[in-house]
Structures are given as C-alpha cells and as structure tokens.
Amino acid sequence: MASAAWLDEVRRVLDHVRASDATHVEVATDGFRLRLIRRPGRATALTESRIATSAEVAAEGTPLAAPLTGVFYRAATPGGPPLVNVGDVVTVGTVMGLIETMKIFNEVLAERAGRIAAILAESGQLVHAGDALMTIEDAAPTGGEQEQP
C-alpha cells in the first residue's frame, strides 16, 4: 500500500468493526496484514464515551453492557410489564431484558448483584455490543439489618 493509504484502510476497517459485533477480523493484502481481536464485554472508546455521558445524566453505578448487537426489549412479551425497573434489587443471573438478533431472543443477565440505578436503553432500541443498557449500584442494607458489634 502507498505511504499513508494503509493507515486510512486500518481506520476504515476499525470503523466497520466498531459498528459490528465481530470479535475476530483479519485483513491481508500484499505486504500488509491486520488482525483484530475484540474481547466481549470490554467497552470500546466509543462505548466508554457513551457510558460517561449516560453516567452524568443518570445515577451512579456499574454499567450493564449489551452482550451483542440487536434490538433491546425491557419486557418478555409485547405490552407486558418490564422485567426490571429502577430501584429493583437484582442478583447475579437475573434476567434484565432481551436482545433480538436474527429473530432469536437472547436474555441479558445481571453480571452483579445490586439495585437498578438507571435504565439507559429504551425498549425497541437498536443497541450494539458493549453499549450500556442499565446501571447497577450496590444495594443499601434495609432498615431491618443491623450491624453486629
């Protein structure tokens, strides 16, 4: 490839990979080879900026990232009640929502226990792998729990 043309090609490939849910991409031409491996669950620079912006507007907490690209749904059935709401206490493995990809519905599970601090994605919204769907904060002890001396 000519002088800086290879850099333009790398940028183009990176833009396409960021917009997809691909985890492994390899491009090879004469004298040039590019291999990208993305670890699922890790936020990209673009996603990190979305999380930071959402965190400024929403309550503090650990973001729950979309595990794949698709349409996010908060309810299990059309018109049904949301699976979780702000303020709900969840445990690891709680179903938080669904993502439809290629006509298959995939459960989005809580990766940590806590209280739902904010819901950042709307039902029916297209989300990309790594996008913040909700934030989960540590659950405060209830009034019935007291520390032992």
C-alpha atoms as a PDB file:
ATOM      1  CA  MET A   1       0.000   0.000   0.000  1.00  0.00           C
ATOM      2  CA  ALA A   2       1.120   3.546  -0.654  1.00  0.00           C
ATOM      3  CA  SER A   3       2.568   5.653   2.176  1.00  0.00           C
ATOM      4  CA  ALA A   4      -0.407   6.668   4.350  1.00  0.00           C
ATOM      5  CA  ALA A   5      -3.028   4.689   2.436  1.00  0.00           C
ATOM      6  CA  TRP A   6      -2.547   1.742   4.789  1.00  0.00           C
ATOM      7  CA  LEU A   7      -3.493   3.933   7.747  1.00  0.00           C
ATOM      8  CA  ASP A   8      -6.704   5.025   6.012  1.00  0.00           C
ATOM      9  CA  GLU A   9      -7.505   1.371   5.346  1.00  0.00           C
ATOM     10  CA  VAL A  10      -6.923   0.471   9.013  1.00  0.00           C
ATOM     11  CA  ARG A  11      -9.224   3.309  10.111  1.00  0.00           C
ATOM     12  CA  ARG A  12     -11.910   2.135   7.684  1.00  0.00           C
ATOM     13  CA  VAL A  13     -11.700  -1.448   8.983  1.00  0.00           C
ATOM     14  CA  LEU A  14     -11.785  -0.262  12.615  1.00  0.00           C
ATOM     15  CA  ASP A  15     -14.922   1.795  11.922  1.00  0.00           C
ATOM     16  CA  HIS A  16     -16.632  -1.262  10.432  1.00  0.00           C
ATOM     17  CA  VAL A  17     -15.580  -3.494  13.334  1.00  0.00           C
ATOM     18  CA  ARG A  18     -16.787  -0.944  15.924  1.00  0.00           C
ATOM     19  CA  ALA A  19     -20.192  -0.849  14.215  1.00  0.00           C
ATOM     20  CA  SER A  20     -20.499  -4.640  14.309  1.00  0.00           C
ATOM     21  CA  ASP A  21     -20.452  -7.323  16.968  1.00  0.00           C
ATOM     22  CA  ALA A  22     -17.480  -9.064  15.326  1.00  0.00           C
ATOM     23  CA  THR A  23     -14.934 -10.432  17.764  1.00  0.00           C
ATOM     24  CA  HIS A  24     -12.253 -11.525  15.277  1.00  0.00           C
ATOM     25  CA  VAL A  25     -11.283  -9.863  11.972  1.00  0.00           C
ATOM     26  CA  GLU A  26      -8.290 -10.483   9.746  1.00  0.00           C
ATOM     27  CA  VAL A  27      -7.385  -8.494   6.607  1.00  0.00           C
ATOM     28  CA  ALA A  28      -4.421  -9.384   4.393  1.00  0.00           C
ATOM     29  CA  THR A  29      -3.106  -7.809   1.184  1.00  0.00           C
ATOM     30  CA  ASP A  30       0.311  -7.694  -0.478  1.00  0.00           C
ATOM     31  CA  GLY A  31       2.781  -6.605   2.185  1.00  0.00           C
ATOM     32  CA  PHE A  32       0.086  -5.773   4.739  1.00  0.00           C
ATOM     33  CA  ARG A  33      -1.762  -7.843   7.339  1.00  0.00           C
ATOM     34  CA  LEU A  34      -4.123  -6.653  10.069  1.00  0.00           C
ATOM     35  CA  ARG A  35      -5.566  -8.917  12.754  1.00  0.00           C
ATOM     36  CA  LEU A  36      -8.100  -7.611  15.294  1.00  0.00           C
ATOM     37  CA  ILE A  37      -9.430  -9.492  18.277  1.00  0.00           C
ATOM     38  CA  ARG A  38     -12.080  -7.892  20.474  1.00  0.00           C
ATOM     39  CA  ARG A  39     -12.803  -9.336  23.889  1.00  0.00           C
ATOM     40  CA  PRO A  40     -16.575  -9.459  24.534  1.00  0.00           C
ATOM     41  CA  GLY A  41     -17.686  -7.366  27.487  1.00  0.00           C
ATOM     42  CA  ARG A  42     -14.901  -4.832  27.118  1.00  0.00           C
ATOM     43  CA  ALA A  43     -16.005  -1.331  26.235  1.00  0.00           C
ATOM     44  CA  THR A  44     -14.594   0.411  23.184  1.00  0.00           C
ATOM     45  CA  ALA A  45     -13.551   4.055  23.305  1.00  0.00           C
ATOM     46  CA  LEU A  46     -16.889   4.952  21.690  1.00  0.00           C
ATOM     47  CA  THR A  47     -18.833   2.933  24.253  1.00  0.00           C
ATOM     48  CA  GLU A  48     -16.810   4.389  27.123  1.00  0.00           C
ATOM     49  CA  SER A  49     -17.763   7.893  25.999  1.00  0.00           C
ATOM     50  CA  ARG A  50     -21.448   6.845  25.838  1.00  0.00           C
ATOM     51  CA  ILE A  51     -21.195   5.389  29.347  1.00  0.00           C
ATOM     52  CA  ALA A  52     -19.563   8.558  30.668  1.00  0.00           C
ATOM     53  CA  THR A  53     -22.283  10.726  29.114  1.00  0.00           C
ATOM     54  CA  SER A  54     -25.032   8.471  30.450  1.00  0.00           C
ATOM     55  CA  ALA A  55     -23.440   8.422  33.894  1.00  0.00           C
ATOM     56  CA  GLU A  56     -23.541  12.226  34.029  1.00  0.00           C
ATOM     57  CA  VAL A  57     -27.295  12.189  33.362  1.00  0.00           C
ATOM     58  CA  ALA A  58     -28.168   9.024  35.291  1.00  0.00           C
ATOM     59  CA  ALA A  59     -27.412   7.778  38.762  1.00  0.00           C
ATOM     60  CA  GLU A  60     -24.032   6.307  39.575  1.00  0.00           C
ATOM     61  CA  GLY A  61     -23.471   2.616  39.189  1.00  0.00           C
ATOM     62  CA  THR A  62     -21.738  -0.114  37.238  1.00  0.00           C
ATOM     63  CA  PRO A  63     -22.928  -0.268  33.635  1.00  0.00           C
ATOM     64  CA  LEU A  64     -24.599  -3.449  32.370  1.00  0.00           C
ATOM     65  CA  ALA A  65     -23.286  -3.800  28.819  1.00  0.00           C
ATOM     66  CA  ALA A  66     -25.174  -5.321  25.903  1.00  0.00           C
ATOM     67  CA  PRO A  67     -23.580  -8.705  25.190  1.00  0.00           C
ATOM     68  CA  LEU A  68     -24.376  -8.466  21.454  1.00  0.00           C
ATOM     69  CA  THR A  69     -25.889  -6.229  18.792  1.00  0.00           C
ATOM     70  CA  GLY A  70     -29.653  -6.300  18.267  1.00  0.00           C
ATOM     71  CA  VAL A  71     -32.957  -4.796  19.364  1.00  0.00           C
ATOM     72  CA  PHE A  72     -33.290  -4.418  23.136  1.00  0.00           C
ATOM     73  CA  TYR A  73     -36.579  -5.185  24.883  1.00  0.00           C
ATOM     74  CA  ARG A  74     -37.377  -4.496  28.539  1.00  0.00           C
ATOM     75  CA  ALA A  75     -40.380  -6.867  28.643  1.00  0.00           C
ATOM     76  CA  ALA A  76     -40.680 -10.584  27.887  1.00  0.00           C
ATOM     77  CA  THR A  77     -43.831 -10.048  25.795  1.00  0.00           C
ATOM     78  CA  PRO A  78     -45.187  -7.103  23.780  1.00  0.00           C
ATOM     79  CA  GLY A  79     -47.188  -4.894  26.138  1.00  0.00           C
ATOM     80  CA  GLY A  80     -46.034  -6.935  29.141  1.00  0.00           C
ATOM     81  CA  PRO A  81     -44.528  -5.460  32.296  1.00  0.00           C
ATOM     82  CA  PRO A  82     -40.808  -4.607  32.270  1.00  0.00           C
ATOM     83  CA  LEU A  83     -38.552  -7.355  33.610  1.00  0.00           C
ATOM     84  CA  VAL A  84     -36.849  -4.835  35.926  1.00  0.00           C
ATOM     85  CA  ASN A  85     -37.414  -1.221  36.959  1.00  0.00           C
ATOM     86  CA  VAL A  86     -35.291   1.482  38.568  1.00  0.00           C
ATOM     87  CA  GLY A  87     -34.977   0.663  42.275  1.00  0.00           C
ATOM     88  CA  ASP A  88     -35.393  -3.109  41.877  1.00  0.00           C
ATOM     89  CA  VAL A  89     -32.846  -5.257  43.693  1.00  0.00           C
ATOM     90  CA  VAL A  90     -31.330  -7.946  41.456  1.00  0.00           C
ATOM     91  CA  THR A  91     -28.978 -10.883  41.940  1.00  0.00           C
ATOM     92  CA  VAL A  92     -26.369 -12.335  39.604  1.00  0.00           C
ATOM     93  CA  GLY A  93     -28.202 -14.085  36.766  1.00  0.00           C
ATOM     94  CA  THR A  94     -31.425 -12.076  36.982  1.00  0.00           C
ATOM     95  CA  VAL A  95     -32.945 -11.582  33.508  1.00  0.00           C
ATOM     96  CA  MET A  96     -32.692  -7.831  32.879  1.00  0.00           C
ATOM     97  CA  GLY A  97     -34.020  -7.694  29.322  1.00  0.00           C
ATOM     98  CA  LEU A  98     -33.896  -9.370  25.932  1.00  0.00           C
ATOM     99  CA  ILE A  99     -31.914  -8.655  22.774  1.00  0.00           C
ATOM    100  CA  GLU A 100     -33.357  -9.862  19.482  1.00  0.00           C
ATOM    101  CA  THR A 101     -30.758 -10.788  16.886  1.00  0.00           C
ATOM    102  CA  MET A 102     -31.666 -12.627  13.692  1.00  0.00           C
ATOM    103  CA  LYS A 103     -35.151 -13.473  15.049  1.00  0.00           C
ATOM    104  CA  ILE A 104     -33.634 -15.084  18.158  1.00  0.00           C
ATOM    105  CA  PHE A 105     -34.275 -13.597  21.590  1.00  0.00           C
ATOM    106  CA  ASN A 106     -31.249 -13.660  23.909  1.00  0.00           C
ATOM    107  CA  GLU A 107     -31.533 -12.983  27.637  1.00  0.00           C
ATOM    108  CA  VAL A 108     -29.452 -10.177  29.126  1.00  0.00           C
ATOM    109  CA  LEU A 109     -28.414 -11.336  32.596  1.00  0.00           C
ATOM    110  CA  ALA A 110     -27.222  -9.309  35.571  1.00  0.00           C
ATOM    111  CA  GLU A 111     -23.477  -9.723  36.000  1.00  0.00           C
ATOM    112  CA  ARG A 112     -23.553  -8.454  39.575  1.00  0.00           C
ATOM    113  CA  ALA A 113     -25.986  -8.058  42.428  1.00  0.00           C
ATOM    114  CA  GLY A 114     -27.320  -4.666  43.389  1.00  0.00           C
ATOM    115  CA  ARG A 115     -30.068  -2.130  42.822  1.00  0.00           C
ATOM    116  CA  ILE A 116     -31.047  -0.801  39.363  1.00  0.00           C
ATOM    117  CA  ALA A 117     -29.859   2.819  39.420  1.00  0.00           C
ATOM    118  CA  ALA A 118     -30.801   3.823  35.871  1.00  0.00           C
ATOM    119  CA  ILE A 119     -32.175   2.373  32.669  1.00  0.00           C
ATOM    120  CA  LEU A 120     -30.274   3.845  29.737  1.00  0.00           C
ATOM    121  CA  ALA A 121     -31.746   1.945  26.757  1.00  0.00           C
ATOM    122  CA  GLU A 122     -35.350   2.178  25.631  1.00  0.00           C
ATOM    123  CA  SER A 123     -37.422  -0.856  24.711  1.00  0.00           C
ATOM    124  CA  GLY A 124     -37.281  -1.379  20.943  1.00  0.00           C
ATOM    125  CA  GLN A 125     -33.951   0.464  20.614  1.00  0.00           C
ATOM    126  CA  LEU A 126     -31.108  -0.900  18.484  1.00  0.00           C
ATOM    127  CA  VAL A 127     -28.098  -1.482  20.739  1.00  0.00           C
ATOM    128  CA  HIS A 128     -24.566  -2.537  19.889  1.00  0.00           C
ATOM    129  CA  ALA A 129     -22.352  -4.974  21.766  1.00  0.00           C
ATOM    130  CA  GLY A 130     -20.798  -3.089  24.678  1.00  0.00           C
ATOM    131  CA  ASP A 131     -23.465  -0.345  24.883  1.00  0.00           C
ATOM    132  CA  ALA A 132     -24.605   0.451  28.423  1.00  0.00           C
ATOM    133  CA  LEU A 133     -28.198  -0.750  28.924  1.00  0.00           C
ATOM    134  CA  MET A 134     -28.581  -0.010  32.647  1.00  0.00           C
ATOM    135  CA  THR A 135     -26.511   0.848  35.670  1.00  0.00           C
ATOM    136  CA  ILE A 136     -26.442  -1.252  38.833  1.00  0.00           C
ATOM    137  CA  GLU A 137     -25.337   0.202  42.157  1.00  0.00           C
ATOM    138  CA  ASP A 138     -24.610  -1.553  45.428  1.00  0.00           C
ATOM    139  CA  ALA A 139     -27.853  -2.232  47.285  1.00  0.00           C
ATOM    140  CA  ALA A 140     -28.078  -0.377  50.586  1.00  0.00           C
ATOM    141  CA  PRO A 141     -28.915  -2.560  53.579  1.00  0.00           C
ATOM    142  CA  THR A 142     -32.600  -2.420  54.565  1.00  0.00           C
ATOM    143  CA  GLY A 143     -33.707  -0.970  57.886  1.00  0.00           C
ATOM    144  CA  GLY A 144     -34.168  -4.472  59.349  1.00  0.00           C
ATOM    145  CA  GLU A 145     -30.459  -5.270  59.004  1.00  0.00           C
ATOM    146  CA  GLN A 146     -28.229  -4.030  61.792  1.00  0.00           C
ATOM    147  CA  GLU A 147     -24.507  -4.319  62.221  1.00  0.00           C
ATOM    148  CA  GLN A 148     -23.340  -6.625  64.967  1.00  0.00           C
ATOM    149  CA  PRO A 149     -20.837  -5.057  67.406  1.00  0.00           C
END
